[in-house]
């Protein structure tokens, strides 16, 4: 567990919750994540899974990418690779890196997804105004959006709204790399 990234994530979640004057119980109700788990995450005792982070983001009405602070050394409009932090999902092993400079209107995330990896994002109710594009840079990603299954190969790009359950799966024998671009759509 990268203590630096996880501590920044914990601080960001606690600040977002406090900024709304929410108790742990209110945040748990809004996100569908238990009070005990939120407390452990905020105290940096556990690293949340990607599915839990997605639920917390939806509870806050924001994107998962926005929970990760921009690189400390980053000065808009530049975000250097060496200043960006990686975060590893403890459940699937996928590694994500926010690459967007601070203050960008769209968020770009670079992901390395292990062979056979699977992540399910099932809490989408508060994210209906977020549009996501997944662009496969290397390998293949099987996307299940609601009931529809689409296999994306190298170079393919899929546009979707975050308004139904989404599953990412790497059906290949090698890691896949892809970029995710998130933008908030006008209501």
N, C-alpha and C. Protein backbone atom coordinates (compact mmCIF):
# COMPACT_ATOMS: atom_id res chain seq x y z
N UNK A 1 0.86 -1.18 0.00
CA UNK A 1 0.00 0.00 0.00
C UNK A 1 0.90 1.23 0.00
N UNK A 2 0.70 2.12 -0.97
CA UNK A 2 1.45 3.38 -1.04
C UNK A 2 0.84 4.33 -0.02
N UNK A 3 1.52 4.48 1.12
CA UNK A 3 1.00 5.30 2.22
C UNK A 3 0.74 6.74 1.78
N UNK A 4 1.62 7.30 0.94
CA UNK A 4 1.45 8.68 0.52
C UNK A 4 0.17 8.90 -0.26
N UNK A 5 -0.08 8.07 -1.27
CA UNK A 5 -1.29 8.19 -2.08
C UNK A 5 -2.51 7.89 -1.23
N UNK A 6 -2.44 6.83 -0.43
CA UNK A 6 -3.59 6.47 0.40
C UNK A 6 -3.87 7.51 1.47
N UNK A 7 -2.84 8.14 2.02
CA UNK A 7 -3.06 9.20 3.02
C UNK A 7 -3.70 10.41 2.35
N UNK A 8 -3.23 10.77 1.17
CA UNK A 8 -3.84 11.90 0.45
C UNK A 8 -5.29 11.59 0.11
N UNK A 9 -5.57 10.35 -0.28
CA UNK A 9 -6.93 9.93 -0.59
C UNK A 9 -7.80 10.00 0.67
N UNK A 10 -7.27 9.51 1.79
CA UNK A 10 -7.99 9.54 3.06
C UNK A 10 -8.31 10.99 3.46
N UNK A 11 -7.31 11.85 3.35
CA UNK A 11 -7.51 13.27 3.69
C UNK A 11 -8.55 13.91 2.79
N UNK A 12 -8.50 13.58 1.52
CA UNK A 12 -9.45 14.16 0.55
C UNK A 12 -10.89 13.73 0.87
N UNK A 13 -11.07 12.45 1.20
CA UNK A 13 -12.40 11.95 1.54
C UNK A 13 -12.93 12.61 2.81
N UNK A 14 -12.07 12.69 3.81
CA UNK A 14 -12.49 13.29 5.08
C UNK A 14 -12.85 14.77 4.89
N UNK A 15 -12.05 15.48 4.10
CA UNK A 15 -12.32 16.89 3.82
C UNK A 15 -13.65 17.05 3.07
N UNK A 16 -13.89 16.18 2.09
CA UNK A 16 -15.14 16.25 1.32
C UNK A 16 -16.34 15.98 2.22
N UNK A 17 -16.21 14.99 3.09
CA UNK A 17 -17.30 14.67 4.02
C UNK A 17 -17.53 15.83 5.00
N UNK A 18 -16.46 16.34 5.56
CA UNK A 18 -16.56 17.46 6.51
C UNK A 18 -17.12 18.71 5.85
N UNK A 19 -16.72 18.95 4.60
CA UNK A 19 -17.21 20.11 3.86
C UNK A 19 -18.72 20.08 3.66
N UNK A 20 -19.28 18.90 3.69
CA UNK A 20 -20.73 18.75 3.56
C UNK A 20 -21.40 18.68 4.93
N UNK A 21 -20.59 18.75 5.99
CA UNK A 21 -21.07 18.62 7.37
C UNK A 21 -21.75 17.28 7.59
N UNK A 22 -21.25 16.24 6.94
CA UNK A 22 -21.82 14.90 7.06
C UNK A 22 -21.13 14.14 8.18
N UNK A 23 -21.91 13.37 8.90
CA UNK A 23 -21.36 12.40 9.83
C UNK A 23 -20.93 11.18 9.03
N UNK A 24 -20.23 10.28 9.67
CA UNK A 24 -19.88 9.02 8.99
C UNK A 24 -21.15 8.28 8.57
N UNK A 25 -22.17 8.33 9.41
CA UNK A 25 -23.43 7.66 9.10
C UNK A 25 -24.08 8.24 7.85
N UNK A 26 -24.07 9.57 7.72
CA UNK A 26 -24.66 10.21 6.54
C UNK A 26 -23.88 9.86 5.28
N UNK A 27 -22.56 9.83 5.38
CA UNK A 27 -21.73 9.46 4.23
C UNK A 27 -21.97 7.99 3.86
N UNK A 28 -22.10 7.15 4.87
CA UNK A 28 -22.38 5.73 4.62
C UNK A 28 -23.71 5.56 3.90
N UNK A 29 -24.72 6.31 4.33
CA UNK A 29 -26.03 6.22 3.70
C UNK A 29 -25.98 6.73 2.25
N UNK A 30 -25.28 7.81 2.01
CA UNK A 30 -25.20 8.38 0.66
C UNK A 30 -24.41 7.50 -0.30
N UNK A 31 -23.42 6.78 0.22
CA UNK A 31 -22.52 6.02 -0.65
C UNK A 31 -22.79 4.52 -0.69
N UNK A 32 -23.48 4.00 0.31
CA UNK A 32 -23.67 2.56 0.36
C UNK A 32 -22.44 1.82 0.88
N UNK A 33 -21.50 2.55 1.46
CA UNK A 33 -20.30 1.97 2.06
C UNK A 33 -20.48 2.04 3.58
N UNK A 34 -20.11 0.99 4.28
CA UNK A 34 -20.34 0.95 5.72
C UNK A 34 -19.57 2.06 6.44
N UNK A 35 -20.15 2.49 7.55
CA UNK A 35 -19.53 3.51 8.40
C UNK A 35 -18.15 3.04 8.85
N UNK A 36 -18.04 1.77 9.23
CA UNK A 36 -16.76 1.23 9.69
C UNK A 36 -15.70 1.29 8.60
N UNK A 37 -16.08 0.95 7.36
CA UNK A 37 -15.12 0.98 6.26
C UNK A 37 -14.68 2.42 5.97
N UNK A 38 -15.63 3.35 5.95
CA UNK A 38 -15.27 4.75 5.71
C UNK A 38 -14.31 5.24 6.78
N UNK A 39 -14.58 4.89 8.03
CA UNK A 39 -13.72 5.29 9.12
C UNK A 39 -12.30 4.73 8.94
N UNK A 40 -12.19 3.46 8.57
CA UNK A 40 -10.87 2.85 8.35
C UNK A 40 -10.13 3.51 7.20
N UNK A 41 -10.86 3.85 6.13
CA UNK A 41 -10.25 4.52 4.97
C UNK A 41 -9.76 5.91 5.38
N UNK A 42 -10.60 6.66 6.09
CA UNK A 42 -10.23 8.01 6.51
C UNK A 42 -9.04 8.01 7.48
N UNK A 43 -8.87 6.95 8.23
CA UNK A 43 -7.73 6.83 9.15
C UNK A 43 -6.53 6.17 8.47
N UNK A 44 -6.68 5.86 7.18
CA UNK A 44 -5.62 5.26 6.37
C UNK A 44 -5.19 3.90 6.93
N UNK A 45 -6.16 3.17 7.47
CA UNK A 45 -5.88 1.83 7.98
C UNK A 45 -6.02 0.78 6.90
N UNK A 46 -6.83 1.08 5.88
CA UNK A 46 -7.02 0.17 4.75
C UNK A 46 -6.96 0.97 3.46
N UNK A 47 -6.58 0.28 2.41
CA UNK A 47 -6.65 0.86 1.07
C UNK A 47 -7.97 0.40 0.45
N UNK A 48 -8.82 1.32 0.06
CA UNK A 48 -10.12 0.92 -0.49
C UNK A 48 -9.94 0.27 -1.86
N UNK A 49 -10.89 -0.59 -2.21
CA UNK A 49 -10.89 -1.16 -3.55
C UNK A 49 -11.46 -0.12 -4.52
N UNK A 50 -11.30 -0.37 -5.80
CA UNK A 50 -11.84 0.53 -6.81
C UNK A 50 -13.36 0.60 -6.71
N UNK A 51 -14.01 -0.53 -6.43
CA UNK A 51 -15.47 -0.53 -6.31
C UNK A 51 -15.93 0.33 -5.14
N UNK A 52 -15.22 0.26 -4.02
CA UNK A 52 -15.57 1.08 -2.86
C UNK A 52 -15.33 2.55 -3.17
N UNK A 53 -14.20 2.86 -3.82
CA UNK A 53 -13.94 4.26 -4.19
C UNK A 53 -15.02 4.81 -5.11
N UNK A 54 -15.48 3.99 -6.05
CA UNK A 54 -16.54 4.44 -6.96
C UNK A 54 -17.82 4.74 -6.19
N UNK A 55 -18.12 3.93 -5.19
CA UNK A 55 -19.32 4.19 -4.37
C UNK A 55 -19.16 5.47 -3.56
N UNK A 56 -17.98 5.68 -3.00
CA UNK A 56 -17.74 6.90 -2.24
C UNK A 56 -17.85 8.13 -3.14
N UNK A 57 -17.27 8.04 -4.34
CA UNK A 57 -17.36 9.17 -5.29
C UNK A 57 -18.81 9.44 -5.66
N UNK A 58 -19.56 8.39 -5.96
CA UNK A 58 -20.97 8.57 -6.31
C UNK A 58 -21.74 9.19 -5.16
N UNK A 59 -21.44 8.77 -3.93
CA UNK A 59 -22.09 9.36 -2.76
C UNK A 59 -21.81 10.84 -2.64
N UNK A 60 -20.62 11.25 -3.07
CA UNK A 60 -20.24 12.66 -3.04
C UNK A 60 -20.70 13.40 -4.30
N UNK A 61 -21.22 12.66 -5.29
CA UNK A 61 -21.67 13.29 -6.53
C UNK A 61 -20.52 13.72 -7.41
N UNK A 62 -19.42 12.97 -7.40
CA UNK A 62 -18.24 13.33 -8.19
C UNK A 62 -17.66 12.09 -8.85
N UNK A 63 -16.59 12.27 -9.59
CA UNK A 63 -15.93 11.14 -10.23
C UNK A 63 -14.89 10.53 -9.30
N UNK A 64 -14.56 9.29 -9.54
CA UNK A 64 -13.52 8.63 -8.77
C UNK A 64 -12.18 9.34 -8.96
N UNK A 65 -11.91 9.78 -10.18
CA UNK A 65 -10.64 10.46 -10.47
C UNK A 65 -10.47 11.71 -9.62
N UNK A 66 -11.56 12.39 -9.32
CA UNK A 66 -11.46 13.63 -8.54
C UNK A 66 -11.09 13.38 -7.09
N UNK A 67 -11.17 12.14 -6.64
CA UNK A 67 -10.78 11.83 -5.26
C UNK A 67 -9.27 11.80 -5.09
N UNK A 68 -8.57 11.66 -6.20
CA UNK A 68 -7.11 11.63 -6.15
C UNK A 68 -6.59 13.04 -6.40
N UNK A 69 -5.81 13.57 -5.48
CA UNK A 69 -5.30 14.93 -5.67
C UNK A 69 -4.31 14.99 -6.82
N UNK A 70 -4.19 16.15 -7.46
CA UNK A 70 -3.21 16.29 -8.53
C UNK A 70 -1.80 16.14 -7.96
N UNK A 71 -0.82 15.83 -8.82
CA UNK A 71 0.55 15.68 -8.32
C UNK A 71 0.99 16.90 -7.53
N UNK A 72 1.69 16.66 -6.43
CA UNK A 72 2.12 17.75 -5.55
C UNK A 72 3.01 18.75 -6.28
N UNK A 73 3.88 18.25 -7.16
CA UNK A 73 4.81 19.14 -7.85
C UNK A 73 4.18 19.74 -9.11
N UNK A 74 2.94 19.37 -9.37
CA UNK A 74 2.28 19.82 -10.60
C UNK A 74 1.85 21.28 -10.49
N UNK A 75 2.18 22.03 -11.50
CA UNK A 75 1.70 23.40 -11.61
C UNK A 75 0.97 23.48 -12.93
N UNK A 76 -0.32 23.81 -12.87
CA UNK A 76 -1.11 23.87 -14.09
C UNK A 76 -0.41 24.81 -15.05
N UNK A 77 -0.37 24.53 -16.31
CA UNK A 77 -1.06 23.48 -17.05
C UNK A 77 -0.22 22.22 -17.29
N UNK A 78 0.83 21.98 -16.54
CA UNK A 78 1.70 20.84 -16.78
C UNK A 78 1.64 19.83 -15.64
N UNK A 79 1.51 18.57 -16.01
CA UNK A 79 1.56 17.47 -15.04
C UNK A 79 2.59 16.48 -15.56
N UNK A 80 3.76 16.46 -14.95
CA UNK A 80 4.84 15.58 -15.41
C UNK A 80 4.66 14.16 -14.88
N UNK A 81 4.99 13.19 -15.73
CA UNK A 81 4.85 11.77 -15.42
C UNK A 81 5.52 11.43 -14.09
N UNK A 82 6.72 11.92 -13.88
CA UNK A 82 7.46 11.57 -12.66
C UNK A 82 6.84 12.15 -11.39
N UNK A 83 5.97 13.12 -11.52
CA UNK A 83 5.31 13.72 -10.36
C UNK A 83 3.95 13.10 -10.06
N UNK A 84 3.46 12.27 -10.96
CA UNK A 84 2.15 11.64 -10.79
C UNK A 84 2.29 10.39 -9.94
N UNK A 85 1.30 10.12 -9.13
CA UNK A 85 1.31 8.96 -8.25
C UNK A 85 0.44 7.84 -8.79
N UNK A 86 0.88 6.62 -8.56
CA UNK A 86 0.10 5.44 -8.91
C UNK A 86 -0.71 5.00 -7.70
N UNK A 87 -1.87 4.41 -7.96
CA UNK A 87 -2.67 3.79 -6.92
C UNK A 87 -3.05 2.41 -7.43
N UNK A 88 -2.86 1.39 -6.59
CA UNK A 88 -3.16 0.00 -6.96
C UNK A 88 -4.42 -0.45 -6.24
N UNK A 89 -5.37 -0.97 -7.01
CA UNK A 89 -6.59 -1.54 -6.43
C UNK A 89 -6.20 -2.85 -5.75
N UNK A 90 -6.42 -2.96 -4.42
CA UNK A 90 -6.00 -4.18 -3.73
C UNK A 90 -6.79 -5.42 -4.14
N UNK A 91 -7.97 -5.25 -4.73
CA UNK A 91 -8.78 -6.41 -5.12
C UNK A 91 -8.37 -6.95 -6.49
N UNK A 92 -8.26 -6.09 -7.50
CA UNK A 92 -8.00 -6.56 -8.87
C UNK A 92 -6.53 -6.43 -9.27
N UNK A 93 -5.79 -5.58 -8.58
CA UNK A 93 -4.39 -5.35 -8.94
C UNK A 93 -4.22 -4.31 -10.04
N UNK A 94 -5.33 -3.69 -10.49
CA UNK A 94 -5.15 -2.68 -11.53
C UNK A 94 -4.49 -1.45 -10.94
N UNK A 95 -3.70 -0.77 -11.77
CA UNK A 95 -2.97 0.41 -11.33
C UNK A 95 -3.49 1.61 -12.11
N UNK A 96 -3.88 2.67 -11.40
CA UNK A 96 -4.40 3.88 -12.04
C UNK A 96 -3.51 5.05 -11.69
N UNK A 97 -3.45 5.96 -12.63
CA UNK A 97 -2.63 7.17 -12.47
C UNK A 97 -3.42 8.33 -13.06
N UNK A 98 -3.71 9.33 -12.23
CA UNK A 98 -4.34 10.55 -12.75
C UNK A 98 -3.26 11.37 -13.41
N UNK A 99 -3.46 11.69 -14.69
CA UNK A 99 -2.42 12.41 -15.43
C UNK A 99 -2.79 13.87 -15.69
N UNK A 100 -4.02 14.25 -15.45
CA UNK A 100 -4.47 15.61 -15.75
C UNK A 100 -3.83 16.64 -14.81
N UNK A 101 -3.47 17.80 -15.35
CA UNK A 101 -2.99 18.89 -14.49
C UNK A 101 -4.11 19.40 -13.59
N UNK A 102 -3.73 20.02 -12.51
CA UNK A 102 -4.71 20.61 -11.60
C UNK A 102 -5.57 21.62 -12.35
N UNK A 103 -6.86 21.59 -12.08
CA UNK A 103 -7.76 22.57 -12.67
C UNK A 103 -8.28 22.22 -14.05
N UNK A 104 -7.91 21.06 -14.60
CA UNK A 104 -8.39 20.67 -15.93
C UNK A 104 -9.89 20.41 -15.87
N UNK A 105 -10.59 20.73 -16.95
CA UNK A 105 -12.04 20.51 -16.98
C UNK A 105 -12.40 19.06 -17.28
N UNK A 106 -11.50 18.32 -17.90
CA UNK A 106 -11.68 16.88 -18.11
C UNK A 106 -10.57 16.18 -17.33
N UNK A 107 -10.87 14.99 -16.84
CA UNK A 107 -9.89 14.22 -16.09
C UNK A 107 -9.41 13.06 -16.95
N UNK A 108 -8.09 12.87 -17.03
CA UNK A 108 -7.53 11.77 -17.79
C UNK A 108 -6.85 10.83 -16.80
N UNK A 109 -7.17 9.55 -16.93
CA UNK A 109 -6.62 8.53 -16.05
C UNK A 109 -5.96 7.48 -16.94
N UNK A 110 -4.74 7.07 -16.57
CA UNK A 110 -3.99 6.03 -17.27
C UNK A 110 -4.07 4.76 -16.42
N UNK A 111 -4.46 3.64 -17.03
CA UNK A 111 -4.67 2.41 -16.27
C UNK A 111 -3.87 1.27 -16.87
N UNK A 112 -3.23 0.50 -16.01
CA UNK A 112 -2.63 -0.78 -16.39
C UNK A 112 -3.47 -1.85 -15.69
N UNK A 113 -4.05 -2.74 -16.49
CA UNK A 113 -5.00 -3.71 -15.98
C UNK A 113 -4.42 -5.11 -16.14
N UNK A 114 -4.25 -5.87 -15.05
CA UNK A 114 -3.61 -7.18 -15.15
C UNK A 114 -4.45 -8.19 -15.92
N UNK A 115 -3.77 -9.17 -16.48
CA UNK A 115 -4.46 -10.25 -17.20
C UNK A 115 -5.48 -10.90 -16.28
N UNK A 116 -6.69 -11.10 -16.79
CA UNK A 116 -7.75 -11.73 -16.02
C UNK A 116 -8.42 -10.83 -15.01
N UNK A 117 -7.94 -9.60 -14.85
CA UNK A 117 -8.50 -8.69 -13.86
C UNK A 117 -9.94 -8.30 -14.17
N UNK A 118 -10.69 -8.03 -13.11
CA UNK A 118 -12.10 -7.62 -13.25
C UNK A 118 -12.43 -6.63 -12.14
N UNK A 119 -13.11 -5.55 -12.52
CA UNK A 119 -13.60 -4.57 -11.55
C UNK A 119 -15.03 -4.23 -11.91
N UNK A 120 -15.90 -4.25 -10.91
CA UNK A 120 -17.31 -3.93 -11.10
C UNK A 120 -17.60 -2.61 -10.39
N UNK A 121 -18.17 -1.68 -11.14
CA UNK A 121 -18.63 -0.40 -10.59
C UNK A 121 -20.15 -0.43 -10.66
N UNK A 122 -20.78 -0.63 -9.50
CA UNK A 122 -22.22 -0.81 -9.49
C UNK A 122 -23.00 0.34 -8.85
N UNK A 123 -22.31 1.34 -8.30
CA UNK A 123 -23.01 2.48 -7.72
C UNK A 123 -22.86 3.67 -8.66
N UNK A 124 -23.86 3.90 -9.43
CA UNK A 124 -23.80 4.89 -10.50
C UNK A 124 -24.84 5.97 -10.36
N UNK A 125 -25.69 5.91 -9.36
CA UNK A 125 -26.85 6.81 -9.28
C UNK A 125 -26.49 8.28 -9.19
N UNK A 126 -25.37 8.62 -8.55
CA UNK A 126 -25.02 10.03 -8.38
C UNK A 126 -24.07 10.52 -9.48
N UNK A 127 -23.77 9.67 -10.46
CA UNK A 127 -22.78 10.02 -11.48
C UNK A 127 -23.39 10.13 -12.87
N UNK A 128 -24.67 10.35 -12.97
CA UNK A 128 -25.35 10.35 -14.27
C UNK A 128 -24.88 11.47 -15.19
N UNK A 129 -24.31 12.53 -14.64
CA UNK A 129 -23.88 13.63 -15.49
C UNK A 129 -22.41 13.51 -15.88
N UNK A 130 -21.78 12.37 -15.58
CA UNK A 130 -20.38 12.16 -15.94
C UNK A 130 -20.31 11.28 -17.17
N UNK A 131 -19.60 11.77 -18.18
CA UNK A 131 -19.37 11.03 -19.41
C UNK A 131 -17.96 10.46 -19.35
N UNK A 132 -17.80 9.22 -19.81
CA UNK A 132 -16.50 8.56 -19.74
C UNK A 132 -16.16 7.96 -21.11
N UNK A 133 -14.92 8.15 -21.52
CA UNK A 133 -14.41 7.50 -22.72
C UNK A 133 -13.28 6.57 -22.29
N UNK A 134 -13.29 5.36 -22.81
CA UNK A 134 -12.23 4.39 -22.54
C UNK A 134 -11.53 4.13 -23.87
N UNK A 135 -10.23 4.43 -23.91
CA UNK A 135 -9.43 4.28 -25.12
C UNK A 135 -8.35 3.25 -24.83
N UNK A 136 -8.41 2.10 -25.50
CA UNK A 136 -7.46 1.02 -25.27
C UNK A 136 -6.17 1.32 -26.02
N UNK A 137 -5.07 1.38 -25.28
CA UNK A 137 -3.76 1.67 -25.84
C UNK A 137 -3.00 0.40 -26.20
N UNK A 138 -3.26 -0.67 -25.44
CA UNK A 138 -2.58 -1.95 -25.69
C UNK A 138 -3.39 -3.07 -25.05
N UNK A 139 -3.62 -4.14 -25.80
CA UNK A 139 -4.35 -5.28 -25.26
C UNK A 139 -5.83 -5.19 -25.55
N UNK A 140 -6.64 -5.77 -24.67
CA UNK A 140 -8.09 -5.79 -24.86
C UNK A 140 -8.78 -5.60 -23.51
N UNK A 141 -9.93 -4.97 -23.57
CA UNK A 141 -10.77 -4.78 -22.38
C UNK A 141 -12.20 -5.15 -22.78
N UNK A 142 -12.81 -6.01 -21.99
CA UNK A 142 -14.21 -6.35 -22.18
C UNK A 142 -15.02 -5.46 -21.26
N UNK A 143 -15.88 -4.65 -21.85
CA UNK A 143 -16.72 -3.72 -21.10
C UNK A 143 -18.15 -4.26 -21.05
N UNK A 144 -18.70 -4.36 -19.86
CA UNK A 144 -20.11 -4.69 -19.71
C UNK A 144 -20.77 -3.46 -19.12
N UNK A 145 -21.69 -2.90 -19.89
CA UNK A 145 -22.40 -1.69 -19.48
C UNK A 145 -23.87 -2.08 -19.40
N UNK A 146 -24.39 -2.16 -18.19
CA UNK A 146 -25.73 -2.71 -18.03
C UNK A 146 -25.69 -4.17 -18.46
N UNK A 147 -26.43 -4.50 -19.49
CA UNK A 147 -26.45 -5.86 -20.03
C UNK A 147 -25.60 -6.01 -21.29
N UNK A 148 -25.16 -4.90 -21.87
CA UNK A 148 -24.42 -4.94 -23.14
C UNK A 148 -22.94 -5.21 -22.90
N UNK A 149 -22.39 -6.15 -23.66
CA UNK A 149 -20.97 -6.50 -23.57
C UNK A 149 -20.28 -6.08 -24.85
N UNK A 150 -19.17 -5.34 -24.71
CA UNK A 150 -18.40 -4.88 -25.87
C UNK A 150 -16.94 -5.21 -25.63
N UNK A 151 -16.31 -5.85 -26.60
CA UNK A 151 -14.88 -6.14 -26.51
C UNK A 151 -14.13 -5.04 -27.24
N UNK A 152 -13.24 -4.37 -26.52
CA UNK A 152 -12.44 -3.29 -27.10
C UNK A 152 -11.02 -3.80 -27.31
N UNK A 153 -10.47 -3.58 -28.51
CA UNK A 153 -9.10 -3.93 -28.81
C UNK A 153 -8.25 -2.69 -28.90
N UNK A 154 -6.97 -2.89 -29.14
CA UNK A 154 -6.03 -1.77 -29.24
C UNK A 154 -6.54 -0.72 -30.22
N UNK A 155 -6.59 0.52 -29.77
CA UNK A 155 -7.04 1.64 -30.60
C UNK A 155 -8.51 1.94 -30.49
N UNK A 156 -9.32 1.01 -29.98
CA UNK A 156 -10.76 1.25 -29.85
C UNK A 156 -11.04 2.23 -28.72
N UNK A 157 -12.10 3.02 -28.91
CA UNK A 157 -12.51 4.00 -27.90
C UNK A 157 -14.02 3.91 -27.74
N UNK A 158 -14.48 3.77 -26.51
CA UNK A 158 -15.90 3.63 -26.20
C UNK A 158 -16.35 4.80 -25.35
N UNK A 159 -17.45 5.42 -25.74
CA UNK A 159 -18.06 6.52 -25.01
C UNK A 159 -19.25 5.99 -24.22
N UNK A 160 -19.36 6.40 -22.95
CA UNK A 160 -20.49 5.96 -22.14
C UNK A 160 -20.81 7.00 -21.07
N UNK A 161 -22.01 6.94 -20.58
CA UNK A 161 -22.41 7.71 -19.40
C UNK A 161 -22.30 6.78 -18.21
N UNK A 162 -22.04 7.33 -17.07
CA UNK A 162 -21.94 6.53 -15.86
C UNK A 162 -23.32 6.44 -15.21
N UNK A 163 -24.27 5.85 -15.95
CA UNK A 163 -25.64 5.80 -15.47
C UNK A 163 -26.18 4.38 -15.30
N UNK A 164 -25.29 3.39 -15.31
CA UNK A 164 -25.67 2.00 -15.08
C UNK A 164 -24.42 1.22 -14.66
N UNK A 165 -24.61 0.00 -14.15
CA UNK A 165 -23.44 -0.77 -13.71
C UNK A 165 -22.46 -0.99 -14.87
N UNK A 166 -21.16 -0.91 -14.54
CA UNK A 166 -20.11 -1.08 -15.54
C UNK A 166 -19.08 -2.06 -14.98
N UNK A 167 -18.68 -3.02 -15.82
CA UNK A 167 -17.64 -3.97 -15.44
C UNK A 167 -16.51 -3.87 -16.46
N UNK A 168 -15.29 -3.74 -15.95
CA UNK A 168 -14.07 -3.79 -16.76
C UNK A 168 -13.47 -5.18 -16.56
N UNK A 169 -13.08 -5.84 -17.65
CA UNK A 169 -12.46 -7.16 -17.54
C UNK A 169 -11.38 -7.27 -18.62
N UNK A 170 -10.21 -7.75 -18.21
CA UNK A 170 -9.14 -8.02 -19.16
C UNK A 170 -9.17 -9.51 -19.46
N UNK A 171 -9.70 -9.90 -20.64
CA UNK A 171 -9.80 -11.32 -20.97
C UNK A 171 -8.48 -11.91 -21.48
N UNK A 172 -7.48 -11.07 -21.67
CA UNK A 172 -6.22 -11.52 -22.26
C UNK A 172 -5.28 -12.17 -21.27
N UNK A 173 -4.15 -12.63 -21.79
CA UNK A 173 -3.11 -13.26 -20.97
C UNK A 173 -2.00 -12.28 -20.61
N UNK A 174 -2.10 -11.05 -21.11
CA UNK A 174 -1.11 -10.01 -20.82
C UNK A 174 -1.83 -8.79 -20.24
N UNK A 175 -1.11 -7.95 -19.51
CA UNK A 175 -1.74 -6.72 -19.02
C UNK A 175 -2.24 -5.86 -20.18
N UNK A 176 -3.31 -5.14 -19.93
CA UNK A 176 -3.84 -4.18 -20.91
C UNK A 176 -3.57 -2.79 -20.37
N UNK A 177 -3.40 -1.84 -21.28
CA UNK A 177 -3.24 -0.44 -20.90
C UNK A 177 -4.32 0.36 -21.61
N UNK A 178 -4.94 1.28 -20.87
CA UNK A 178 -5.95 2.12 -21.48
C UNK A 178 -6.01 3.47 -20.78
N UNK A 179 -6.59 4.42 -21.47
CA UNK A 179 -6.82 5.75 -20.90
C UNK A 179 -8.32 5.95 -20.72
N UNK A 180 -8.65 6.61 -19.62
CA UNK A 180 -10.03 6.98 -19.35
C UNK A 180 -10.09 8.49 -19.32
N UNK A 181 -11.04 9.07 -20.05
CA UNK A 181 -11.25 10.50 -20.04
C UNK A 181 -12.63 10.74 -19.49
N UNK A 182 -12.72 11.50 -18.39
CA UNK A 182 -13.98 11.79 -17.74
C UNK A 182 -14.30 13.27 -17.88
N UNK A 183 -15.55 13.56 -18.19
CA UNK A 183 -15.97 14.95 -18.23
C UNK A 183 -17.40 15.05 -17.71
N UNK A 184 -17.67 16.14 -17.05
CA UNK A 184 -19.01 16.38 -16.50
C UNK A 184 -19.84 17.07 -17.57
N UNK A 185 -21.02 16.55 -17.81
CA UNK A 185 -21.91 17.10 -18.82
C UNK A 185 -22.85 18.10 -18.19
N UNK A 186 -23.22 19.13 -18.94
CA UNK A 186 -24.19 20.10 -18.40
C UNK A 186 -25.51 19.42 -18.09
N UNK A 187 -26.12 19.81 -17.00
CA UNK A 187 -27.41 19.20 -16.60
C UNK A 187 -28.53 19.64 -17.51
